[in-house]
Structures are given as C-alpha cells and as structure tokens.
Amino acid sequence: MTLLQDLEQRAEHLSESQRAALASHLLSSLPAVLADADDGVAEASRRDAELDADPSSGMSEEEFRLSIAASRKR
C-alpha cells in the first residue's frame, strides 16, 4: 500500500468536520491558482471579506443544510 492510499484510508475514518478541516488545510498548502477563467476565486474572496465584515450575514451549517433540503422539495 502506498503512503497516499494509507492516508486516504485513514482519512475515511475521520468525522465529516475533520475531513473538511483536513481538505481545507491541504488546499491552502497548494500554490495559488495562476488563472481563474470564471472569477470564482474573486467571488470567494469577496464573500469571505463580507463574512469577515459582518459574520451575522452568513448561515450556520444547519441552516445551509435545511436550505438545500427545502430547495430539493420544490
């Protein structure tokens, strides 16, 4: 088994929040994107700044999940 396979297998046993934190850490360790054809990075940065300025403008994970579930019922 390769190191990568071992890490993937171990990561599968982490909780959802632990896997998300790990994914975030790994993504932030990569070099910056050289091109952003659809301005997704700029949009994410704008939204991040909005949340920093006014944290109450965001929603909790539970609110997000309920919103998704409600939109699927339509």
N, C-alpha and C. Protein backbone atom coordinates (compact mmCIF):
# COMPACT_ATOMS: atom_id res chain seq x y z
N MET A 1 0.86 -1.18 0.00
CA MET A 1 0.00 0.00 0.00
C MET A 1 0.91 1.24 0.00
N THR A 2 0.58 2.18 -0.86
CA THR A 2 1.37 3.41 -0.92
C THR A 2 0.99 4.33 0.24
N LEU A 3 1.82 5.30 0.49
CA LEU A 3 1.54 6.28 1.55
C LEU A 3 0.23 7.00 1.27
N LEU A 4 0.01 7.38 0.00
CA LEU A 4 -1.23 8.07 -0.35
C LEU A 4 -2.45 7.20 -0.08
N GLN A 5 -2.38 5.95 -0.46
CA GLN A 5 -3.50 5.04 -0.20
C GLN A 5 -3.75 4.88 1.29
N ASP A 6 -2.68 4.80 2.07
CA ASP A 6 -2.81 4.69 3.52
C ASP A 6 -3.47 5.94 4.10
N LEU A 7 -3.04 7.11 3.64
CA LEU A 7 -3.63 8.36 4.13
C LEU A 7 -5.10 8.46 3.75
N GLU A 8 -5.43 8.09 2.51
CA GLU A 8 -6.83 8.13 2.07
C GLU A 8 -7.69 7.21 2.94
N GLN A 9 -7.18 6.03 3.20
CA GLN A 9 -7.93 5.06 4.01
C GLN A 9 -8.13 5.58 5.42
N ARG A 10 -7.09 6.18 6.00
CA ARG A 10 -7.21 6.72 7.35
C ARG A 10 -8.16 7.92 7.38
N ALA A 11 -8.11 8.74 6.35
CA ALA A 11 -8.97 9.93 6.29
C ALA A 11 -10.45 9.54 6.23
N GLU A 12 -10.76 8.42 5.62
CA GLU A 12 -12.15 7.96 5.54
C GLU A 12 -12.76 7.71 6.92
N HIS A 13 -11.92 7.48 7.92
CA HIS A 13 -12.40 7.22 9.27
C HIS A 13 -12.57 8.49 10.10
N LEU A 14 -12.19 9.63 9.53
CA LEU A 14 -12.37 10.90 10.24
C LEU A 14 -13.82 11.35 10.14
N SER A 15 -14.22 12.19 11.07
CA SER A 15 -15.58 12.75 11.00
C SER A 15 -15.65 13.71 9.82
N GLU A 16 -16.86 14.06 9.45
CA GLU A 16 -17.05 14.98 8.32
C GLU A 16 -16.34 16.31 8.57
N SER A 17 -16.45 16.84 9.77
CA SER A 17 -15.80 18.12 10.05
C SER A 17 -14.28 17.99 10.05
N GLN A 18 -13.77 16.85 10.51
CA GLN A 18 -12.32 16.64 10.48
C GLN A 18 -11.81 16.51 9.04
N ARG A 19 -12.58 15.81 8.20
CA ARG A 19 -12.19 15.69 6.78
C ARG A 19 -12.22 17.04 6.10
N ALA A 20 -13.23 17.86 6.43
CA ALA A 20 -13.31 19.20 5.84
C ALA A 20 -12.13 20.06 6.26
N ALA A 21 -11.77 19.98 7.54
CA ALA A 21 -10.62 20.74 8.03
C ALA A 21 -9.34 20.27 7.35
N LEU A 22 -9.19 18.96 7.19
CA LEU A 22 -8.01 18.42 6.52
C LEU A 22 -7.97 18.87 5.06
N ALA A 23 -9.10 18.80 4.37
CA ALA A 23 -9.15 19.23 2.97
C ALA A 23 -8.81 20.70 2.84
N SER A 24 -9.34 21.50 3.73
CA SER A 24 -9.04 22.93 3.71
C SER A 24 -7.56 23.19 3.91
N HIS A 25 -6.97 22.48 4.87
CA HIS A 25 -5.54 22.64 5.13
C HIS A 25 -4.72 22.23 3.92
N LEU A 26 -5.07 21.10 3.31
CA LEU A 26 -4.32 20.63 2.15
C LEU A 26 -4.46 21.59 0.97
N LEU A 27 -5.66 22.09 0.73
CA LEU A 27 -5.86 23.03 -0.37
C LEU A 27 -5.09 24.32 -0.14
N SER A 28 -5.07 24.79 1.10
CA SER A 28 -4.35 26.04 1.38
C SER A 28 -2.85 25.86 1.28
N SER A 29 -2.37 24.62 1.31
CA SER A 29 -0.93 24.37 1.20
C SER A 29 -0.45 24.35 -0.25
N LEU A 30 -1.40 24.35 -1.20
CA LEU A 30 -1.04 24.33 -2.62
C LEU A 30 -0.74 25.74 -3.11
N PRO A 31 0.05 25.85 -4.18
CA PRO A 31 0.34 27.19 -4.72
C PRO A 31 -0.94 27.84 -5.26
N ALA A 32 -0.91 29.14 -5.32
CA ALA A 32 -2.07 29.90 -5.80
C ALA A 32 -2.40 29.52 -7.24
N VAL A 33 -3.65 29.64 -7.60
CA VAL A 33 -4.11 29.37 -8.96
C VAL A 33 -3.56 30.45 -9.87
N LEU A 34 -3.05 30.04 -11.01
CA LEU A 34 -2.46 31.00 -11.94
C LEU A 34 -3.51 31.67 -12.81
N ALA A 35 -4.62 31.00 -13.06
CA ALA A 35 -5.68 31.55 -13.91
C ALA A 35 -7.03 31.22 -13.29
N ASP A 36 -7.96 32.13 -13.45
CA ASP A 36 -9.30 31.95 -12.89
C ASP A 36 -10.30 32.43 -13.93
N ALA A 37 -10.59 31.57 -14.89
CA ALA A 37 -11.40 31.95 -16.05
C ALA A 37 -12.80 32.44 -15.67
N ASP A 38 -13.39 31.88 -14.61
CA ASP A 38 -14.77 32.27 -14.28
C ASP A 38 -14.85 33.20 -13.08
N ASP A 39 -13.75 33.76 -12.63
CA ASP A 39 -13.70 34.68 -11.50
C ASP A 39 -14.19 34.07 -10.19
N GLY A 40 -14.13 32.75 -10.09
CA GLY A 40 -14.59 32.07 -8.87
C GLY A 40 -13.77 32.44 -7.65
N VAL A 41 -12.47 32.60 -7.82
CA VAL A 41 -11.62 32.96 -6.69
C VAL A 41 -11.96 34.37 -6.22
N ALA A 42 -12.17 35.27 -7.16
CA ALA A 42 -12.53 36.65 -6.79
C ALA A 42 -13.87 36.67 -6.05
N GLU A 43 -14.82 35.87 -6.50
CA GLU A 43 -16.13 35.80 -5.83
C GLU A 43 -15.98 35.23 -4.43
N ALA A 44 -15.19 34.18 -4.29
CA ALA A 44 -14.97 33.58 -2.97
C ALA A 44 -14.29 34.58 -2.04
N SER A 45 -13.32 35.31 -2.55
CA SER A 45 -12.63 36.32 -1.74
C SER A 45 -13.59 37.43 -1.31
N ARG A 46 -14.46 37.85 -2.22
CA ARG A 46 -15.45 38.89 -1.90
C ARG A 46 -16.39 38.40 -0.80
N ARG A 47 -16.87 37.18 -0.93
CA ARG A 47 -17.78 36.64 0.08
C ARG A 47 -17.08 36.46 1.42
N ASP A 48 -15.83 36.04 1.39
CA ASP A 48 -15.06 35.88 2.62
C ASP A 48 -14.91 37.23 3.32
N ALA A 49 -14.63 38.28 2.55
CA ALA A 49 -14.50 39.63 3.13
C ALA A 49 -15.82 40.09 3.72
N GLU A 50 -16.93 39.78 3.04
CA GLU A 50 -18.26 40.13 3.56
C GLU A 50 -18.51 39.47 4.91
N LEU A 51 -18.16 38.20 5.01
CA LEU A 51 -18.36 37.48 6.27
C LEU A 51 -17.46 38.02 7.37
N ASP A 52 -16.23 38.38 7.00
CA ASP A 52 -15.34 38.98 7.99
C ASP A 52 -15.92 40.29 8.52
N ALA A 53 -16.49 41.09 7.61
CA ALA A 53 -17.04 42.39 7.98
C ALA A 53 -18.33 42.26 8.78
N ASP A 54 -19.15 41.24 8.45
CA ASP A 54 -20.43 41.06 9.12
C ASP A 54 -20.73 39.57 9.25
N PRO A 55 -20.21 38.92 10.28
CA PRO A 55 -20.42 37.48 10.44
C PRO A 55 -21.90 37.07 10.50
N SER A 56 -22.77 37.99 10.92
CA SER A 56 -24.19 37.65 11.01
C SER A 56 -24.83 37.49 9.63
N SER A 57 -24.14 37.90 8.57
CA SER A 57 -24.69 37.77 7.22
C SER A 57 -24.58 36.35 6.69
N GLY A 58 -23.83 35.50 7.39
CA GLY A 58 -23.68 34.11 6.96
C GLY A 58 -24.76 33.23 7.53
N MET A 59 -24.62 31.94 7.30
CA MET A 59 -25.57 30.99 7.85
C MET A 59 -24.80 29.81 8.44
N SER A 60 -25.43 29.19 9.39
CA SER A 60 -24.80 28.02 10.03
C SER A 60 -24.87 26.84 9.07
N GLU A 61 -24.12 25.80 9.39
CA GLU A 61 -24.16 24.59 8.57
C GLU A 61 -25.57 24.01 8.56
N GLU A 62 -26.23 24.03 9.72
CA GLU A 62 -27.59 23.51 9.80
C GLU A 62 -28.54 24.32 8.93
N GLU A 63 -28.44 25.65 8.96
CA GLU A 63 -29.28 26.49 8.11
C GLU A 63 -29.01 26.19 6.63
N PHE A 64 -27.76 25.99 6.29
CA PHE A 64 -27.40 25.66 4.91
C PHE A 64 -28.04 24.34 4.48
N ARG A 65 -27.90 23.33 5.33
CA ARG A 65 -28.47 22.02 5.00
C ARG A 65 -30.00 22.08 4.86
N LEU A 66 -30.65 22.83 5.76
CA LEU A 66 -32.11 22.98 5.67
C LEU A 66 -32.50 23.70 4.39
N SER A 67 -31.72 24.69 4.00
CA SER A 67 -31.98 25.43 2.77
C SER A 67 -31.87 24.51 1.55
N ILE A 68 -30.85 23.69 1.53
CA ILE A 68 -30.67 22.74 0.42
C ILE A 68 -31.83 21.75 0.39
N ALA A 69 -32.18 21.21 1.55
CA ALA A 69 -33.27 20.24 1.61
C ALA A 69 -34.57 20.86 1.13
N ALA A 70 -34.82 22.11 1.52
CA ALA A 70 -36.05 22.79 1.09
C ALA A 70 -36.07 23.03 -0.41
N SER A 71 -34.91 23.36 -0.98
CA SER A 71 -34.86 23.63 -2.43
C SER A 71 -35.05 22.34 -3.23
N ARG A 72 -34.68 21.20 -2.66
CA ARG A 72 -34.87 19.93 -3.35
C ARG A 72 -36.33 19.49 -3.37
N LYS A 73 -37.12 20.01 -2.42
CA LYS A 73 -38.53 19.64 -2.34
C LYS A 73 -39.38 20.40 -3.36
N ARG A 74 -38.84 21.47 -3.89
CA ARG A 74 -39.60 22.30 -4.85
C ARG A 74 -39.69 21.66 -6.20
